[in-house]
Amino acid sequence: MSDCVFCKIASGEIPATIVHDDDDVVAFRDLNPQAPVHVLIIPRRHVASLNEATEDHRDLLGRLLLVAKDLAAKEEVDDGYRLINNCGAPAGQSVFHIHVHLLGGRAMGWPPG
């Protein structure tokens, strides 16, 4: 998508603090962190939201979670962290490119929101 900010970050058109980069997934620090560790994990392939995902995306979706697990360990928050996927504007999705937030480094309350 030519106008997608996350596609532009993945392609290097927009700078970001990249913490993971491979053929399928890019992860970078959130510009407005909500926890001491706040990383966004995105696929290079544009998928607008989980509602747009199909069986063809199964491996890619699993890859996002495995990268999140590895980053939690790298960021030393693997003793307790939260993964969030907002799906749709009413749930708080503001960039329509599927992504997972990795939050850690502080206690998380429940219920969220």
N, C-alpha and C. Protein backbone atom coordinates (compact mmCIF):
# COMPACT_ATOMS: atom_id res chain seq x y z
N MET A 1 0.84 -1.18 0.00
CA MET A 1 0.00 0.00 0.00
C MET A 1 0.89 1.25 0.00
N SER A 2 0.73 2.07 -0.97
CA SER A 2 1.60 3.22 -1.13
C SER A 2 1.39 4.30 -0.06
N ASP A 3 0.23 4.35 0.58
CA ASP A 3 -0.02 5.38 1.58
C ASP A 3 -0.01 4.86 3.02
N CYS A 4 0.39 3.62 3.21
CA CYS A 4 0.40 3.01 4.55
C CYS A 4 1.71 3.34 5.27
N VAL A 5 1.59 4.00 6.42
CA VAL A 5 2.77 4.39 7.18
C VAL A 5 3.60 3.18 7.61
N PHE A 6 2.96 2.07 7.97
CA PHE A 6 3.73 0.90 8.38
C PHE A 6 4.42 0.25 7.19
N CYS A 7 3.81 0.25 6.02
CA CYS A 7 4.48 -0.25 4.82
C CYS A 7 5.72 0.61 4.53
N LYS A 8 5.60 1.91 4.75
CA LYS A 8 6.72 2.81 4.51
C LYS A 8 7.84 2.59 5.53
N ILE A 9 7.49 2.29 6.76
CA ILE A 9 8.51 1.95 7.76
C ILE A 9 9.19 0.65 7.37
N ALA A 10 8.40 -0.35 6.98
CA ALA A 10 8.96 -1.65 6.60
C ALA A 10 9.90 -1.54 5.40
N SER A 11 9.61 -0.62 4.49
CA SER A 11 10.45 -0.47 3.29
C SER A 11 11.62 0.48 3.51
N GLY A 12 11.66 1.15 4.67
CA GLY A 12 12.74 2.07 4.96
C GLY A 12 12.49 3.50 4.51
N GLU A 13 11.31 3.77 3.94
CA GLU A 13 10.98 5.13 3.50
C GLU A 13 10.80 6.08 4.67
N ILE A 14 10.28 5.58 5.78
CA ILE A 14 10.10 6.37 7.00
C ILE A 14 11.01 5.78 8.06
N PRO A 15 11.83 6.62 8.71
CA PRO A 15 12.73 6.08 9.73
C PRO A 15 11.98 5.63 10.98
N ALA A 16 12.54 4.64 11.63
CA ALA A 16 12.02 4.14 12.89
C ALA A 16 13.17 3.48 13.63
N THR A 17 13.00 3.29 14.93
CA THR A 17 14.00 2.58 15.71
C THR A 17 13.68 1.09 15.60
N ILE A 18 14.34 0.44 14.67
CA ILE A 18 14.09 -0.97 14.35
C ILE A 18 14.78 -1.85 15.38
N VAL A 19 14.04 -2.81 15.93
CA VAL A 19 14.61 -3.76 16.89
C VAL A 19 14.60 -5.19 16.35
N HIS A 20 13.91 -5.39 15.22
CA HIS A 20 13.91 -6.70 14.54
C HIS A 20 13.59 -6.46 13.08
N ASP A 21 14.29 -7.20 12.21
CA ASP A 21 14.08 -7.05 10.77
C ASP A 21 14.45 -8.36 10.11
N ASP A 22 13.47 -9.01 9.47
CA ASP A 22 13.76 -10.20 8.69
C ASP A 22 12.93 -10.16 7.41
N ASP A 23 12.90 -11.23 6.66
CA ASP A 23 12.20 -11.24 5.38
C ASP A 23 10.70 -11.03 5.51
N ASP A 24 10.13 -11.39 6.65
CA ASP A 24 8.68 -11.36 6.82
C ASP A 24 8.17 -10.33 7.81
N VAL A 25 8.98 -9.98 8.79
CA VAL A 25 8.52 -9.19 9.94
C VAL A 25 9.51 -8.07 10.26
N VAL A 26 8.96 -6.92 10.63
CA VAL A 26 9.74 -5.79 11.12
C VAL A 26 9.15 -5.39 12.46
N ALA A 27 10.01 -5.06 13.41
CA ALA A 27 9.54 -4.57 14.72
C ALA A 27 10.31 -3.30 15.06
N PHE A 28 9.59 -2.35 15.65
CA PHE A 28 10.19 -1.05 15.96
C PHE A 28 9.54 -0.47 17.21
N ARG A 29 10.26 0.46 17.83
CA ARG A 29 9.77 1.09 19.05
C ARG A 29 8.61 2.05 18.72
N ASP A 30 7.58 2.01 19.57
CA ASP A 30 6.44 2.90 19.40
C ASP A 30 6.86 4.33 19.72
N LEU A 31 6.38 5.29 18.93
CA LEU A 31 6.71 6.70 19.16
C LEU A 31 6.01 7.28 20.38
N ASN A 32 4.94 6.63 20.82
CA ASN A 32 4.18 7.09 21.99
C ASN A 32 4.06 5.92 22.97
N PRO A 33 5.17 5.52 23.60
CA PRO A 33 5.16 4.31 24.41
C PRO A 33 4.21 4.37 25.60
N GLN A 34 3.53 3.26 25.82
CA GLN A 34 2.59 3.13 26.94
C GLN A 34 3.16 2.29 28.07
N ALA A 35 4.41 1.87 27.93
CA ALA A 35 5.12 1.08 28.93
C ALA A 35 6.61 1.28 28.67
N PRO A 36 7.46 0.92 29.64
CA PRO A 36 8.90 1.06 29.40
C PRO A 36 9.37 0.33 28.14
N VAL A 37 8.78 -0.81 27.85
CA VAL A 37 9.02 -1.49 26.57
C VAL A 37 7.71 -1.44 25.80
N HIS A 38 7.74 -0.83 24.62
CA HIS A 38 6.56 -0.79 23.75
C HIS A 38 7.07 -0.89 22.32
N VAL A 39 6.91 -2.07 21.77
CA VAL A 39 7.39 -2.39 20.42
C VAL A 39 6.20 -2.77 19.56
N LEU A 40 6.20 -2.29 18.32
CA LEU A 40 5.19 -2.69 17.34
C LEU A 40 5.81 -3.73 16.41
N ILE A 41 5.09 -4.82 16.21
CA ILE A 41 5.56 -5.93 15.38
C ILE A 41 4.61 -6.03 14.21
N ILE A 42 5.16 -5.88 13.00
CA ILE A 42 4.32 -5.83 11.80
C ILE A 42 4.83 -6.81 10.74
N PRO A 43 3.92 -7.32 9.93
CA PRO A 43 4.39 -8.09 8.77
C PRO A 43 4.80 -7.12 7.66
N ARG A 44 5.76 -7.53 6.85
CA ARG A 44 6.11 -6.71 5.68
C ARG A 44 4.94 -6.69 4.70
N ARG A 45 4.24 -7.81 4.63
CA ARG A 45 3.09 -7.95 3.73
C ARG A 45 1.91 -7.17 4.31
N HIS A 46 1.29 -6.32 3.51
CA HIS A 46 0.19 -5.51 4.00
C HIS A 46 -1.09 -6.36 4.17
N VAL A 47 -1.58 -6.37 5.38
CA VAL A 47 -2.88 -6.92 5.74
C VAL A 47 -3.50 -5.86 6.63
N ALA A 48 -4.67 -5.35 6.28
CA ALA A 48 -5.24 -4.20 6.99
C ALA A 48 -5.53 -4.49 8.46
N SER A 49 -6.11 -5.64 8.76
CA SER A 49 -6.43 -5.99 10.14
C SER A 49 -6.65 -7.49 10.22
N LEU A 50 -6.84 -7.98 11.42
CA LEU A 50 -7.10 -9.40 11.60
C LEU A 50 -8.37 -9.80 10.84
N ASN A 51 -9.32 -8.91 10.72
CA ASN A 51 -10.54 -9.21 9.97
C ASN A 51 -10.28 -9.46 8.49
N GLU A 52 -9.17 -8.98 7.98
CA GLU A 52 -8.82 -9.18 6.57
C GLU A 52 -7.96 -10.43 6.38
N ALA A 53 -7.49 -11.02 7.45
CA ALA A 53 -6.62 -12.19 7.36
C ALA A 53 -7.39 -13.42 6.89
N THR A 54 -6.69 -14.27 6.16
CA THR A 54 -7.26 -15.52 5.66
C THR A 54 -6.35 -16.68 6.05
N GLU A 55 -6.73 -17.86 5.66
CA GLU A 55 -5.89 -19.05 5.90
C GLU A 55 -4.50 -18.87 5.28
N ASP A 56 -4.40 -18.10 4.21
CA ASP A 56 -3.11 -17.84 3.57
C ASP A 56 -2.16 -17.07 4.48
N HIS A 57 -2.68 -16.43 5.51
CA HIS A 57 -1.87 -15.65 6.44
C HIS A 57 -1.51 -16.41 7.71
N ARG A 58 -1.91 -17.66 7.81
CA ARG A 58 -1.71 -18.44 9.03
C ARG A 58 -0.26 -18.42 9.51
N ASP A 59 0.68 -18.74 8.63
CA ASP A 59 2.08 -18.78 9.03
C ASP A 59 2.60 -17.40 9.41
N LEU A 60 2.18 -16.40 8.69
CA LEU A 60 2.62 -15.03 8.98
C LEU A 60 2.12 -14.58 10.34
N LEU A 61 0.88 -14.87 10.67
CA LEU A 61 0.33 -14.49 11.97
C LEU A 61 1.07 -15.21 13.10
N GLY A 62 1.37 -16.48 12.90
CA GLY A 62 2.16 -17.21 13.89
C GLY A 62 3.55 -16.62 14.04
N ARG A 63 4.13 -16.19 12.93
CA ARG A 63 5.46 -15.59 12.95
C ARG A 63 5.48 -14.31 13.79
N LEU A 64 4.40 -13.51 13.70
CA LEU A 64 4.33 -12.29 14.51
C LEU A 64 4.43 -12.62 16.00
N LEU A 65 3.73 -13.66 16.42
CA LEU A 65 3.74 -14.03 17.84
C LEU A 65 5.09 -14.57 18.27
N LEU A 66 5.73 -15.35 17.42
CA LEU A 66 7.05 -15.89 17.77
C LEU A 66 8.11 -14.79 17.84
N VAL A 67 8.02 -13.82 16.94
CA VAL A 67 8.93 -12.67 17.02
C VAL A 67 8.66 -11.91 18.32
N ALA A 68 7.40 -11.75 18.69
CA ALA A 68 7.07 -11.07 19.95
C ALA A 68 7.69 -11.79 21.14
N LYS A 69 7.60 -13.09 21.16
CA LYS A 69 8.19 -13.88 22.25
C LYS A 69 9.70 -13.66 22.31
N ASP A 70 10.36 -13.71 21.16
CA ASP A 70 11.81 -13.52 21.11
C ASP A 70 12.20 -12.10 21.54
N LEU A 71 11.42 -11.11 21.13
CA LEU A 71 11.71 -9.73 21.53
C LEU A 71 11.49 -9.51 23.02
N ALA A 72 10.49 -10.17 23.59
CA ALA A 72 10.27 -10.07 25.03
C ALA A 72 11.50 -10.55 25.79
N ALA A 73 12.10 -11.63 25.31
CA ALA A 73 13.32 -12.13 25.94
C ALA A 73 14.48 -11.15 25.73
N LYS A 74 14.62 -10.66 24.51
CA LYS A 74 15.70 -9.72 24.19
C LYS A 74 15.58 -8.44 25.01
N GLU A 75 14.35 -7.98 25.23
CA GLU A 75 14.09 -6.75 25.98
C GLU A 75 14.04 -7.00 27.49
N GLU A 76 14.23 -8.27 27.88
CA GLU A 76 14.26 -8.69 29.29
C GLU A 76 12.95 -8.41 30.02
N VAL A 77 11.84 -8.66 29.32
CA VAL A 77 10.52 -8.55 29.95
C VAL A 77 9.76 -9.87 29.85
N ASP A 78 10.48 -10.95 29.55
CA ASP A 78 9.81 -12.23 29.33
C ASP A 78 9.26 -12.86 30.60
N ASP A 79 9.46 -12.22 31.75
CA ASP A 79 8.82 -12.69 32.98
C ASP A 79 7.38 -12.20 33.08
N GLY A 80 6.99 -11.27 32.20
CA GLY A 80 5.62 -10.78 32.17
C GLY A 80 5.47 -9.66 31.17
N TYR A 81 4.67 -9.89 30.16
CA TYR A 81 4.44 -8.89 29.12
C TYR A 81 3.05 -9.06 28.55
N ARG A 82 2.60 -8.07 27.81
CA ARG A 82 1.28 -8.12 27.20
C ARG A 82 1.42 -7.93 25.70
N LEU A 83 0.65 -8.71 24.94
CA LEU A 83 0.54 -8.55 23.49
C LEU A 83 -0.86 -8.05 23.19
N ILE A 84 -0.95 -7.05 22.33
CA ILE A 84 -2.24 -6.46 21.98
C ILE A 84 -2.35 -6.36 20.47
N ASN A 85 -3.51 -6.75 19.95
CA ASN A 85 -3.86 -6.52 18.55
C ASN A 85 -5.21 -5.83 18.55
N ASN A 86 -5.23 -4.55 18.20
CA ASN A 86 -6.48 -3.81 18.08
C ASN A 86 -7.04 -4.07 16.69
N CYS A 87 -8.30 -4.45 16.63
CA CYS A 87 -8.93 -4.80 15.35
C CYS A 87 -10.12 -3.89 15.10
N GLY A 88 -9.91 -2.89 14.23
CA GLY A 88 -10.97 -1.94 13.90
C GLY A 88 -10.87 -0.67 14.72
N ALA A 89 -11.36 0.41 14.15
CA ALA A 89 -11.30 1.72 14.81
C ALA A 89 -11.96 1.73 16.19
N PRO A 90 -13.14 1.09 16.38
CA PRO A 90 -13.75 1.12 17.71
C PRO A 90 -12.88 0.46 18.80
N ALA A 91 -11.98 -0.42 18.39
CA ALA A 91 -11.09 -1.09 19.35
C ALA A 91 -9.78 -0.32 19.53
N GLY A 92 -9.61 0.77 18.80
CA GLY A 92 -8.42 1.59 18.94
C GLY A 92 -7.40 1.44 17.83
N GLN A 93 -7.71 0.67 16.79
CA GLN A 93 -6.76 0.55 15.68
C GLN A 93 -6.73 1.87 14.92
N SER A 94 -5.54 2.46 14.83
CA SER A 94 -5.40 3.74 14.13
C SER A 94 -4.58 3.63 12.86
N VAL A 95 -3.77 2.59 12.75
CA VAL A 95 -3.03 2.32 11.51
C VAL A 95 -3.56 0.99 10.98
N PHE A 96 -4.09 1.02 9.79
CA PHE A 96 -4.74 -0.17 9.24
C PHE A 96 -3.76 -1.03 8.45
N HIS A 97 -2.82 -1.57 9.22
CA HIS A 97 -1.83 -2.56 8.81
C HIS A 97 -1.69 -3.42 10.05
N ILE A 98 -2.04 -4.67 9.96
CA ILE A 98 -2.06 -5.52 11.16
C ILE A 98 -0.75 -5.41 11.93
N HIS A 99 -0.85 -5.33 13.23
CA HIS A 99 0.33 -5.22 14.07
C HIS A 99 0.01 -5.70 15.48
N VAL A 100 1.07 -6.08 16.16
CA VAL A 100 0.97 -6.51 17.55
C VAL A 100 1.81 -5.56 18.39
N HIS A 101 1.23 -5.08 19.46
CA HIS A 101 1.96 -4.27 20.44
C HIS A 101 2.55 -5.22 21.47
N LEU A 102 3.83 -5.09 21.74
CA LEU A 102 4.48 -5.78 22.84
C LEU A 102 4.72 -4.74 23.93
N LEU A 103 4.08 -4.94 25.08
CA LEU A 103 4.21 -4.03 26.21
C LEU A 103 4.81 -4.78 27.39
N GLY A 104 5.77 -4.16 28.05
CA GLY A 104 6.37 -4.79 29.22
C GLY A 104 7.17 -3.79 30.02
N GLY A 105 7.68 -4.27 31.13
CA GLY A 105 8.51 -3.43 31.98
C GLY A 105 7.76 -2.74 33.10
N ARG A 106 6.48 -3.03 33.22
CA ARG A 106 5.67 -2.51 34.33
C ARG A 106 4.51 -3.47 34.55
N ALA A 107 3.87 -3.36 35.71
CA ALA A 107 2.69 -4.18 35.98
C ALA A 107 1.55 -3.73 35.08
N MET A 108 0.79 -4.67 34.58
CA MET A 108 -0.36 -4.40 33.71
C MET A 108 -1.64 -4.61 34.50
N GLY A 109 -2.56 -3.67 34.39
CA GLY A 109 -3.84 -3.81 35.07
C GLY A 109 -4.83 -4.62 34.24
N TRP A 110 -5.89 -5.04 34.89
CA TRP A 110 -6.97 -5.75 34.21
C TRP A 110 -8.28 -5.33 34.82
N PRO A 111 -9.31 -5.06 34.09
CA PRO A 111 -9.36 -5.19 32.64
C PRO A 111 -8.69 -4.00 31.96
N PRO A 112 -8.15 -4.24 30.76
CA PRO A 112 -7.55 -3.14 30.00
C PRO A 112 -8.65 -2.26 29.42
N GLY A 113 -8.26 -1.12 28.89
CA GLY A 113 -9.21 -0.26 28.22
C GLY A 113 -9.75 0.75 29.13
